[in-house]
Amino acid sequence: MIKVTSKDGTHIAFDQFGQRLALILVAGATATRVAETSLATVLAPHFTVFAYDRRGRGDSGDNTPYAVEREVEDIEALIDEAGGSAFVFGHSSGAVLALEAARLLPSKITKLALYEPPFIVDDSRPRPPENYVSHLNELISSGQRGQAVAYFMTEAVGVPAEMVAQMQQSPMWPELEKVAHTIPYDGTIMGDTMRGDPRPLKKWASVSVPTLVMDGGASHVFMHHGAQAITDILPNAQRRTLEGQDHGPADDVLAPALEAFFFS
């Protein structure tokens, strides 16, 4: 484990794999750098991979108040550690954070890859409640971390309540509760992009870096619609569907797609 210091003084922990062109992995909600280890290992022969704990998770610090810009500064600190420029890959809400980093750091991200940013651009799936983020914060502030995780799973991810009840009995649940306070961060990152309207995605129309937008062939239809919507908005983007994959793509399918794009 190595640490860099972000602009606001927060220490960001990361693991580094390989010794080639820099690639930063931006995880989605609740995931720590441990979840990125498998993919990072597969990519290491071709890249210098930075798998990091987003602020508030794992071995990284945190400072209040939260702002998406602070998370972009965390990515910038990693890019600077890598030599001043890097490829970036973001997964799920981490893909949206990666998009925002590309908007705010246009000279530092040389290519961008996104996997299933969870945009809801039409009525193909229910939208989270209007007070989703504020209710999460209320649950966290009152010490109801488990309830916050369950609320995230049912209202944002769309997991059936009976399945969440089963998850609560699994060894993974305490780990999710540890990072529950960061779930509102991802809700803040998503902003208005889960409201059933593609117009908020136009925020990223200025992102001209070459971008690969990926979705899984076995994923919910709303993921396909969101992937196409952001591909249409970005001026230098291409879309690729990974057949047979869902929201958690297999490393041996995802890694070759990333390598082909970044080295094209």
C-alpha atoms as a PDB file:
ATOM      1  CA  MET A   1       0.000   0.000   0.000  1.00  0.00           C
ATOM      2  CA  ILE A   2       1.150   3.524  -0.903  1.00  0.00           C
ATOM      3  CA  LYS A   3      -0.486   6.844  -0.056  1.00  0.00           C
ATOM      4  CA  VAL A   4      -0.698  10.181  -1.822  1.00  0.00           C
ATOM      5  CA  THR A   5      -2.026  13.421  -0.357  1.00  0.00           C
ATOM      6  CA  SER A   6      -4.944  15.075  -2.106  1.00  0.00           C
ATOM      7  CA  LYS A   7      -5.294  18.857  -2.376  1.00  0.00           C
ATOM      8  CA  ASP A   8      -7.401  19.142   0.787  1.00  0.00           C
ATOM      9  CA  GLY A   9      -4.934  17.075   2.828  1.00  0.00           C
ATOM     10  CA  THR A  10      -6.792  13.757   2.596  1.00  0.00           C
ATOM     11  CA  HIS A  11      -4.512  10.726   2.335  1.00  0.00           C
ATOM     12  CA  ILE A  12      -5.512   8.389  -0.501  1.00  0.00           C
ATOM     13  CA  ALA A  13      -4.328   4.787  -0.320  1.00  0.00           C
ATOM     14  CA  PHE A  14      -3.519   2.804  -3.442  1.00  0.00           C
ATOM     15  CA  ASP A  15      -1.816  -0.335  -4.688  1.00  0.00           C
ATOM     16  CA  GLN A  16       0.362  -0.228  -7.779  1.00  0.00           C
ATOM     17  CA  PHE A  17       0.719  -3.070 -10.267  1.00  0.00           C
ATOM     18  CA  GLY A  18       3.059  -3.253 -13.272  1.00  0.00           C
ATOM     19  CA  GLN A  19       5.566  -0.825 -14.758  1.00  0.00           C
ATOM     20  CA  ARG A  20       4.159   0.538 -18.017  1.00  0.00           C
ATOM     21  CA  LEU A  21       1.663   3.246 -19.073  1.00  0.00           C
ATOM     22  CA  ALA A  22      -0.405   4.492 -16.137  1.00  0.00           C
ATOM     23  CA  LEU A  23      -4.024   3.352 -15.776  1.00  0.00           C
ATOM     24  CA  ILE A  24      -6.185   4.464 -12.853  1.00  0.00           C
ATOM     25  CA  LEU A  25      -9.165   2.316 -11.841  1.00  0.00           C
ATOM     26  CA  VAL A  26     -12.119   4.217 -10.382  1.00  0.00           C
ATOM     27  CA  ALA A  27     -14.436   1.907  -8.441  1.00  0.00           C
ATOM     28  CA  GLY A  28     -18.179   2.247  -8.030  1.00  0.00           C
ATOM     29  CA  ALA A  29     -20.239   2.532  -4.867  1.00  0.00           C
ATOM     30  CA  THR A  30     -19.050   0.584  -1.767  1.00  0.00           C
ATOM     31  CA  ALA A  31     -16.037  -0.994  -3.526  1.00  0.00           C
ATOM     32  CA  THR A  32     -12.534  -0.678  -2.081  1.00  0.00           C
ATOM     33  CA  ARG A  33      -9.223  -1.202  -3.823  1.00  0.00           C
ATOM     34  CA  VAL A  34      -9.304  -4.861  -2.759  1.00  0.00           C
ATOM     35  CA  ALA A  35     -12.157  -5.391  -5.216  1.00  0.00           C
ATOM     36  CA  GLU A  36      -9.934  -4.034  -7.997  1.00  0.00           C
ATOM     37  CA  THR A  37      -6.998  -6.372  -7.291  1.00  0.00           C
ATOM     38  CA  SER A  38      -8.084  -9.154  -9.641  1.00  0.00           C
ATOM     39  CA  LEU A  39      -8.556  -6.863 -12.652  1.00  0.00           C
ATOM     40  CA  ALA A  40      -5.397  -4.927 -11.811  1.00  0.00           C
ATOM     41  CA  THR A  41      -3.376  -8.140 -11.781  1.00  0.00           C
ATOM     42  CA  VAL A  42      -4.669  -9.145 -15.210  1.00  0.00           C
ATOM     43  CA  LEU A  43      -3.877  -5.684 -16.605  1.00  0.00           C
ATOM     44  CA  ALA A  44      -0.446  -5.370 -14.949  1.00  0.00           C
ATOM     45  CA  PRO A  45       1.595  -6.847 -17.849  1.00  0.00           C
ATOM     46  CA  HIS A  46       0.408  -3.983 -20.057  1.00  0.00           C
ATOM     47  CA  PHE A  47      -0.015  -1.013 -17.676  1.00  0.00           C
ATOM     48  CA  THR A  48       1.061   0.534 -14.415  1.00  0.00           C
ATOM     49  CA  VAL A  49      -2.274   0.056 -12.684  1.00  0.00           C
ATOM     50  CA  PHE A  50      -3.356   2.239  -9.766  1.00  0.00           C
ATOM     51  CA  ALA A  51      -6.121   0.619  -7.702  1.00  0.00           C
ATOM     52  CA  TYR A  52      -7.119   3.022  -4.951  1.00  0.00           C
ATOM     53  CA  ASP A  53      -9.506   3.406  -2.047  1.00  0.00           C
ATOM     54  CA  ARG A  54     -11.859   6.260  -2.780  1.00  0.00           C
ATOM     55  CA  ARG A  55     -12.050   8.728   0.099  1.00  0.00           C
ATOM     56  CA  GLY A  56     -13.790   7.394   3.179  1.00  0.00           C
ATOM     57  CA  ARG A  57     -13.121   3.775   2.236  1.00  0.00           C
ATOM     58  CA  GLY A  58     -10.494   1.228   3.207  1.00  0.00           C
ATOM     59  CA  ASP A  59      -7.209   2.880   4.157  1.00  0.00           C
ATOM     60  CA  SER A  60      -7.989   6.290   2.669  1.00  0.00           C
ATOM     61  CA  GLY A  61      -8.913   9.279   4.797  1.00  0.00           C
ATOM     62  CA  ASP A  62     -11.862  11.617   4.476  1.00  0.00           C
ATOM     63  CA  ASN A  63     -12.660  15.259   5.097  1.00  0.00           C
ATOM     64  CA  THR A  64     -15.952  17.083   5.372  1.00  0.00           C
ATOM     65  CA  PRO A  65     -17.925  18.585   3.832  1.00  0.00           C
ATOM     66  CA  TYR A  66     -18.089  16.202   0.897  1.00  0.00           C
ATOM     67  CA  ALA A  67     -17.854  17.541  -2.640  1.00  0.00           C
ATOM     68  CA  VAL A  68     -17.450  15.720  -5.943  1.00  0.00           C
ATOM     69  CA  GLU A  69     -14.609  18.100  -6.753  1.00  0.00           C
ATOM     70  CA  ARG A  70     -12.611  16.655  -3.846  1.00  0.00           C
ATOM     71  CA  GLU A  71     -12.864  13.196  -5.404  1.00  0.00           C
ATOM     72  CA  VAL A  72     -11.654  14.617  -8.707  1.00  0.00           C
ATOM     73  CA  GLU A  73      -8.702  16.086  -6.821  1.00  0.00           C
ATOM     74  CA  ASP A  74      -7.999  12.607  -5.443  1.00  0.00           C
ATOM     75  CA  ILE A  75      -7.783  11.293  -9.008  1.00  0.00           C
ATOM     76  CA  GLU A  76      -5.571  14.229  -9.932  1.00  0.00           C
ATOM     77  CA  ALA A  77      -3.201  13.383  -7.071  1.00  0.00           C
ATOM     78  CA  LEU A  78      -2.922   9.840  -8.401  1.00  0.00           C
ATOM     79  CA  ILE A  79      -2.336  11.105 -11.950  1.00  0.00           C
ATOM     80  CA  ASP A  80       0.404  13.399 -10.679  1.00  0.00           C
ATOM     81  CA  GLU A  81       1.924  10.460  -8.824  1.00  0.00           C
ATOM     82  CA  ALA A  82       1.856   8.561 -12.126  1.00  0.00           C
ATOM     83  CA  GLY A  83       3.787  11.305 -13.913  1.00  0.00           C
ATOM     84  CA  GLY A  84       1.154  13.866 -14.896  1.00  0.00           C
ATOM     85  CA  SER A  85      -1.073  11.962 -17.325  1.00  0.00           C
ATOM     86  CA  ALA A  86      -2.894   8.634 -17.344  1.00  0.00           C
ATOM     87  CA  PHE A  87      -5.561   6.446 -18.826  1.00  0.00           C
ATOM     88  CA  VAL A  88      -8.650   6.212 -16.597  1.00  0.00           C
ATOM     89  CA  PHE A  89     -11.231   3.438 -16.313  1.00  0.00           C
ATOM     90  CA  GLY A  90     -14.401   3.903 -14.266  1.00  0.00           C
ATOM     91  CA  HIS A  91     -17.023   1.325 -13.319  1.00  0.00           C
ATOM     92  CA  SER A  92     -20.669   2.094 -12.491  1.00  0.00           C
ATOM     93  CA  SER A  93     -20.915   5.341 -10.485  1.00  0.00           C
ATOM     94  CA  GLY A  94     -17.127   5.372 -10.664  1.00  0.00           C
ATOM     95  CA  ALA A  95     -17.569   5.784 -14.420  1.00  0.00           C
ATOM     96  CA  VAL A  96     -19.528   8.961 -13.771  1.00  0.00           C
ATOM     97  CA  LEU A  97     -16.811  10.196 -11.420  1.00  0.00           C
ATOM     98  CA  ALA A  98     -14.255   9.396 -14.131  1.00  0.00           C
ATOM     99  CA  LEU A  99     -16.321  11.406 -16.623  1.00  0.00           C
ATOM    100  CA  GLU A 100     -16.320  14.366 -14.251  1.00  0.00           C
ATOM    101  CA  ALA A 101     -12.561  14.041 -13.822  1.00  0.00           C
ATOM    102  CA  ALA A 102     -12.158  14.123 -17.602  1.00  0.00           C
ATOM    103  CA  ARG A 103     -14.293  17.279 -17.714  1.00  0.00           C
ATOM    104  CA  LEU A 104     -12.273  19.042 -15.016  1.00  0.00           C
ATOM    105  CA  LEU A 105      -8.824  17.644 -15.890  1.00  0.00           C
ATOM    106  CA  PRO A 106      -8.891  17.630 -19.703  1.00  0.00           C
ATOM    107  CA  SER A 107      -5.109  17.773 -20.121  1.00  0.00           C
ATOM    108  CA  LYS A 108      -4.331  14.962 -17.679  1.00  0.00           C
ATOM    109  CA  ILE A 109      -6.541  12.099 -18.889  1.00  0.00           C
ATOM    110  CA  THR A 110      -5.348  10.806 -22.251  1.00  0.00           C
ATOM    111  CA  LYS A 111      -8.047   8.176 -22.812  1.00  0.00           C
ATOM    112  CA  LEU A 112     -11.173   7.288 -20.858  1.00  0.00           C
ATOM    113  CA  ALA A 113     -13.049   3.987 -20.570  1.00  0.00           C
ATOM    114  CA  LEU A 114     -16.423   3.631 -18.860  1.00  0.00           C
ATOM    115  CA  TYR A 115     -18.360   0.503 -17.926  1.00  0.00           C
ATOM    116  CA  GLU A 116     -22.088   0.880 -17.346  1.00  0.00           C
ATOM    117  CA  PRO A 117     -22.500   4.329 -15.832  1.00  0.00           C
ATOM    118  CA  PRO A 118     -25.946   3.778 -14.226  1.00  0.00           C
ATOM    119  CA  PHE A 119     -27.765   6.587 -15.973  1.00  0.00           C
ATOM    120  CA  ILE A 120     -31.557   6.327 -16.103  1.00  0.00           C
ATOM    121  CA  VAL A 121     -32.511   8.266 -19.228  1.00  0.00           C
ATOM    122  CA  ASP A 122     -36.062   7.000 -19.811  1.00  0.00           C
ATOM    123  CA  ASP A 123     -38.785   4.938 -18.160  1.00  0.00           C
ATOM    124  CA  SER A 124     -37.080   1.555 -18.653  1.00  0.00           C
ATOM    125  CA  ARG A 125     -36.583   1.193 -14.892  1.00  0.00           C
ATOM    126  CA  PRO A 126     -37.922   2.920 -11.747  1.00  0.00           C
ATOM    127  CA  ARG A 127     -36.096   6.035 -10.565  1.00  0.00           C
ATOM    128  CA  PRO A 128     -34.708   6.432  -7.042  1.00  0.00           C
ATOM    129  CA  PRO A 129     -36.804   8.613  -4.708  1.00  0.00           C
ATOM    130  CA  GLU A 130     -36.368  12.375  -5.001  1.00  0.00           C
ATOM    131  CA  ASN A 131     -34.971  12.506  -1.449  1.00  0.00           C
ATOM    132  CA  TYR A 132     -32.645   9.521  -1.989  1.00  0.00           C
ATOM    133  CA  VAL A 133     -29.384  11.206  -0.922  1.00  0.00           C
ATOM    134  CA  SER A 134     -30.889  13.177   1.960  1.00  0.00           C
ATOM    135  CA  HIS A 135     -32.563  10.058   3.345  1.00  0.00           C
ATOM    136  CA  LEU A 136     -29.276   8.155   3.124  1.00  0.00           C
ATOM    137  CA  ASN A 137     -27.579  10.920   5.087  1.00  0.00           C
ATOM    138  CA  GLU A 138     -30.344  10.807   7.707  1.00  0.00           C
ATOM    139  CA  LEU A 139     -29.888   7.066   8.145  1.00  0.00           C
ATOM    140  CA  ILE A 140     -26.115   7.430   8.444  1.00  0.00           C
ATOM    141  CA  SER A 141     -26.287  10.326  10.913  1.00  0.00           C
ATOM    142  CA  SER A 142     -28.645   8.319  13.122  1.00  0.00           C
ATOM    143  CA  GLY A 143     -26.314   5.313  13.152  1.00  0.00           C
ATOM    144  CA  GLN A 144     -28.493   3.132  10.919  1.00  0.00           C
ATOM    145  CA  ARG A 145     -25.678   2.005   8.644  1.00  0.00           C
ATOM    146  CA  GLY A 146     -27.238  -1.344   7.790  1.00  0.00           C
ATOM    147  CA  GLN A 147     -30.513   0.324   6.872  1.00  0.00           C
ATOM    148  CA  ALA A 148     -28.591   2.746   4.653  1.00  0.00           C
ATOM    149  CA  VAL A 149     -26.975  -0.129   2.769  1.00  0.00           C
ATOM    150  CA  ALA A 150     -30.339  -1.866   2.378  1.00  0.00           C
ATOM    151  CA  TYR A 151     -31.932   1.382   1.137  1.00  0.00           C
ATOM    152  CA  PHE A 152     -29.156   1.785  -1.428  1.00  0.00           C
ATOM    153  CA  MET A 153     -29.559  -1.806  -2.593  1.00  0.00           C
ATOM    154  CA  THR A 154     -33.325  -1.633  -3.047  1.00  0.00           C
ATOM    155  CA  GLU A 155     -33.818   1.952  -4.252  1.00  0.00           C
ATOM    156  CA  ALA A 156     -30.657   2.606  -6.308  1.00  0.00           C
ATOM    157  CA  VAL A 157     -29.403  -0.806  -7.393  1.00  0.00           C
ATOM    158  CA  GLY A 158     -32.862  -2.351  -7.684  1.00  0.00           C
ATOM    159  CA  VAL A 159     -32.170  -5.526  -5.686  1.00  0.00           C
ATOM    160  CA  PRO A 160     -35.409  -7.188  -4.489  1.00  0.00           C
ATOM    161  CA  ALA A 161     -36.007  -6.793  -0.751  1.00  0.00           C
ATOM    162  CA  GLU A 162     -36.019 -10.557  -0.166  1.00  0.00           C
ATOM    163  CA  MET A 163     -32.578 -10.834  -1.754  1.00  0.00           C
ATOM    164  CA  VAL A 164     -31.289  -7.978   0.394  1.00  0.00           C
ATOM    165  CA  ALA A 165     -32.538  -9.869   3.439  1.00  0.00           C
ATOM    166  CA  GLN A 166     -30.380 -12.818   2.372  1.00  0.00           C
ATOM    167  CA  MET A 167     -27.390 -10.540   1.789  1.00  0.00           C
ATOM    168  CA  GLN A 168     -27.707  -9.224   5.333  1.00  0.00           C
ATOM    169  CA  GLN A 169     -26.825 -12.704   6.607  1.00  0.00           C
ATOM    170  CA  SER A 170     -23.700 -12.987   4.468  1.00  0.00           C
ATOM    171  CA  PRO A 171     -20.079 -12.252   5.510  1.00  0.00           C
ATOM    172  CA  MET A 172     -19.960  -9.340   3.042  1.00  0.00           C
ATOM    173  CA  TRP A 173     -22.618  -7.304   4.866  1.00  0.00           C
ATOM    174  CA  PRO A 174     -20.397  -5.955   7.700  1.00  0.00           C
ATOM    175  CA  GLU A 175     -17.921  -4.781   5.058  1.00  0.00           C
ATOM    176  CA  LEU A 176     -20.685  -2.894   3.276  1.00  0.00           C
ATOM    177  CA  GLU A 177     -21.751  -1.277   6.552  1.00  0.00           C
ATOM    178  CA  LYS A 178     -18.180  -0.038   7.077  1.00  0.00           C
ATOM    179  CA  VAL A 179     -18.403   2.096   3.928  1.00  0.00           C
ATOM    180  CA  ALA A 180     -22.094   2.981   4.257  1.00  0.00           C
ATOM    181  CA  HIS A 181     -21.250   6.651   4.944  1.00  0.00           C
ATOM    182  CA  THR A 182     -19.768   6.901   1.426  1.00  0.00           C
ATOM    183  CA  ILE A 183     -22.906   5.711  -0.377  1.00  0.00           C
ATOM    184  CA  PRO A 184     -24.374   9.262  -0.380  1.00  0.00           C
ATOM    185  CA  TYR A 185     -21.160  10.369  -2.104  1.00  0.00           C
ATOM    186  CA  ASP A 186     -22.053   8.238  -5.118  1.00  0.00           C
ATOM    187  CA  GLY A 187     -25.615   9.521  -5.019  1.00  0.00           C
ATOM    188  CA  THR A 188     -24.203  13.053  -5.155  1.00  0.00           C
ATOM    189  CA  ILE A 189     -21.983  12.091  -8.092  1.00  0.00           C
ATOM    190  CA  MET A 190     -24.994  10.747  -9.977  1.00  0.00           C
ATOM    191  CA  GLY A 191     -26.946  13.955  -9.335  1.00  0.00           C
ATOM    192  CA  ASP A 192     -29.923  14.291 -11.685  1.00  0.00           C
ATOM    193  CA  THR A 193     -28.732  11.591 -14.113  1.00  0.00           C
ATOM    194  CA  MET A 194     -31.062   8.919 -12.686  1.00  0.00           C
ATOM    195  CA  ARG A 195     -34.255  10.940 -13.130  1.00  0.00           C
ATOM    196  CA  GLY A 196     -35.381   9.424 -16.456  1.00  0.00           C
ATOM    197  CA  ASP A 197     -34.170  12.337 -18.587  1.00  0.00           C
ATOM    198  CA  PRO A 198     -31.043  12.307 -20.816  1.00  0.00           C
ATOM    199  CA  ARG A 199     -30.600  16.089 -20.742  1.00  0.00           C
ATOM    200  CA  PRO A 200     -28.421  16.242 -17.573  1.00  0.00           C
ATOM    201  CA  LEU A 201     -25.825  14.127 -19.410  1.00  0.00           C
ATOM    202  CA  LYS A 202     -25.118  17.110 -21.667  1.00  0.00           C
ATOM    203  CA  LYS A 203     -22.943  18.377 -18.818  1.00  0.00           C
ATOM    204  CA  TRP A 204     -20.190  16.195 -20.306  1.00  0.00           C
ATOM    205  CA  ALA A 205     -20.544  17.327 -23.923  1.00  0.00           C
ATOM    206  CA  SER A 206     -17.216  19.146 -23.581  1.00  0.00           C
ATOM    207  CA  VAL A 207     -15.304  15.930 -22.775  1.00  0.00           C
ATOM    208  CA  SER A 208     -13.410  15.435 -26.028  1.00  0.00           C
ATOM    209  CA  VAL A 209     -10.873  12.836 -24.866  1.00  0.00           C
ATOM    210  CA  PRO A 210     -11.183   9.522 -26.754  1.00  0.00           C
ATOM    211  CA  THR A 211     -13.717   7.490 -24.773  1.00  0.00           C
ATOM    212  CA  LEU A 212     -14.894   3.895 -24.798  1.00  0.00           C
ATOM    213  CA  VAL A 213     -18.375   3.340 -23.338  1.00  0.00           C
ATOM    214  CA  MET A 214     -19.069  -0.303 -22.498  1.00  0.00           C
ATOM    215  CA  ASP A 215     -22.120  -2.202 -21.370  1.00  0.00           C
ATOM    216  CA  GLY A 216     -22.858  -5.869 -20.817  1.00  0.00           C
ATOM    217  CA  GLY A 217     -25.059  -7.828 -23.179  1.00  0.00           C
ATOM    218  CA  ALA A 218     -26.762  -9.534 -20.222  1.00  0.00           C
ATOM    219  CA  SER A 219     -27.387  -6.320 -18.281  1.00  0.00           C
ATOM    220  CA  HIS A 220     -30.725  -4.574 -17.745  1.00  0.00           C
ATOM    221  CA  VAL A 221     -32.000  -2.633 -20.741  1.00  0.00           C
ATOM    222  CA  PHE A 222     -31.678   0.706 -18.899  1.00  0.00           C
ATOM    223  CA  MET A 223     -27.902   0.210 -18.888  1.00  0.00           C
ATOM    224  CA  HIS A 224     -27.915  -0.123 -22.681  1.00  0.00           C
ATOM    225  CA  HIS A 225     -30.010   3.012 -23.048  1.00  0.00           C
ATOM    226  CA  GLY A 226     -27.733   4.986 -20.717  1.00  0.00           C
ATOM    227  CA  ALA A 227     -24.600   3.792 -22.496  1.00  0.00           C
ATOM    228  CA  GLN A 228     -25.988   4.870 -25.842  1.00  0.00           C
ATOM    229  CA  ALA A 229     -27.137   8.236 -24.489  1.00  0.00           C
ATOM    230  CA  ILE A 230     -23.717   9.203 -23.168  1.00  0.00           C
ATOM    231  CA  THR A 231     -22.017   7.847 -26.305  1.00  0.00           C
ATOM    232  CA  ASP A 232     -24.222  10.116 -28.408  1.00  0.00           C
ATOM    233  CA  ILE A 233     -23.360  13.148 -26.268  1.00  0.00           C
ATOM    234  CA  LEU A 234     -19.586  12.707 -26.057  1.00  0.00           C
ATOM    235  CA  PRO A 235     -17.877  14.099 -29.172  1.00  0.00           C
ATOM    236  CA  ASN A 236     -15.175  11.416 -29.406  1.00  0.00           C
ATOM    237  CA  ALA A 237     -16.794   8.265 -28.052  1.00  0.00           C
ATOM    238  CA  GLN A 238     -17.444   4.742 -29.221  1.00  0.00           C
ATOM    239  CA  ARG A 239     -19.678   2.100 -27.648  1.00  0.00           C
ATOM    240  CA  ARG A 240     -18.942  -1.579 -27.190  1.00  0.00           C
ATOM    241  CA  THR A 241     -21.225  -4.229 -25.738  1.00  0.00           C
ATOM    242  CA  LEU A 242     -19.496  -7.141 -24.007  1.00  0.00           C
ATOM    243  CA  GLU A 243     -21.674 -10.098 -24.858  1.00  0.00           C
ATOM    244  CA  GLY A 244     -22.772 -12.332 -22.018  1.00  0.00           C
ATOM    245  CA  GLN A 245     -21.612  -9.885 -19.331  1.00  0.00           C
ATOM    246  CA  ASP A 246     -23.645  -8.113 -16.668  1.00  0.00           C
ATOM    247  CA  HIS A 247     -22.821  -5.252 -14.278  1.00  0.00           C
ATOM    248  CA  GLY A 248     -19.865  -7.244 -12.932  1.00  0.00           C
ATOM    249  CA  PRO A 249     -17.934  -8.199 -16.085  1.00  0.00           C
ATOM    250  CA  ALA A 250     -15.399 -11.022 -16.016  1.00  0.00           C
ATOM    251  CA  ASP A 251     -11.780  -9.875 -15.916  1.00  0.00           C
ATOM    252  CA  ASP A 252     -10.837 -12.066 -18.877  1.00  0.00           C
ATOM    253  CA  VAL A 253     -13.493 -10.319 -20.975  1.00  0.00           C
ATOM    254  CA  LEU A 254     -13.068  -6.756 -19.706  1.00  0.00           C
ATOM    255  CA  ALA A 255      -9.261  -6.630 -19.722  1.00  0.00           C
ATOM    256  CA  PRO A 256      -8.823  -7.398 -23.452  1.00  0.00           C
ATOM    257  CA  ALA A 257     -11.449  -4.766 -24.301  1.00  0.00           C
ATOM    258  CA  LEU A 258      -9.532  -2.175 -22.258  1.00  0.00           C
ATOM    259  CA  GLU A 259      -6.203  -3.161 -23.773  1.00  0.00           C
ATOM    260  CA  ALA A 260      -7.561  -2.972 -27.326  1.00  0.00           C
ATOM    261  CA  PHE A 261      -8.965   0.501 -26.727  1.00  0.00           C
ATOM    262  CA  PHE A 262      -6.105   2.055 -24.809  1.00  0.00           C
ATOM    263  CA  PHE A 263      -3.510   0.804 -27.286  1.00  0.00           C
ATOM    264  CA  SER A 264      -5.508   1.607 -30.432  1.00  0.00           C
END
